């Protein structure tokens, strides 16, 4: 025996004659043999067993075959980033104190490809949301609690937050005139059909105006019948500032024409028409196309 032979520790347990021995044919656990986790459940004598008469899955069990209908490979997939509406759709804020009406308008407008970006149940919230969200159009009811639609329209237009299209059940002379003087770009009644409303929103978003024919006639009649006052004062001089082309554009506005119609009638581009409209509004001190028409009619 040499010095480098390992020795059994002095305190190592000794195998005695009565110690249990491993059977000679017992399987050996090697270094690479899988081991049962220490926390694995143990099967005991009282563990539940599969009933002897339980059905067995056999080789002839039915399998899913090729004739099961499958989703076509080219079927459109609905993903989280699918746009709800076209990217260039006009953005609309709904202002109405009736939740059911707002919901109906949302469904209708979104169904026609418009993007409803927010709602408001009163005028004050409409102003705040318009300033925060900067929609293209605020669809405004006039009779709301707190700040009414006319006052809200005035604040939104003054802030340059959005164009305002009035949609209301009321067409009293005072409301019509108040909304137009506040700078509303359009005025429609809630009896308007869906196609007309959607077209009005698109036109107003594009910088045009839209008036219900019943409202247009009455608004112009009110202005003609009103005594000369602050509205008409100084207008002859202001109209004199308009160029000949701007006068032609203003006449198109008075006729209720769109930018495209004015463009076709005068033989100029739509972009040029928009430039002339902006100049007309600035020279007349008007807040919208409809306001310019009201001022010009009152001054004639």
Foldseek 3Di string as FASTA:
>chain_A
DDPPDDDDDPPDDDDDPPDDDDDPPDDDDDPPDDDDDPPDDDDDPPDDDDDPPDDDDDPPPDDDDPPDDDDDPPDDDDDPPDDLADPPAFEEEEEAQDPVVVVVVCVLLSVVRHHHDYYHNALVVLLVCLQVVLTAEYAAEADGPDHGRLNSLLNCLVVVSYAYEYEYQDQDLVVLLSNQQSQHQEYYYPVDDSVLVNVQSVQSSVQHGYYDPVSLVSLLVVLQPDDDDDLQPPVVVLVVVADPLLVLLLVCLLVVHGLVVSCVVVVHDSVVSVVSQVVLCVSSVHSGSSSSSSSVSNND
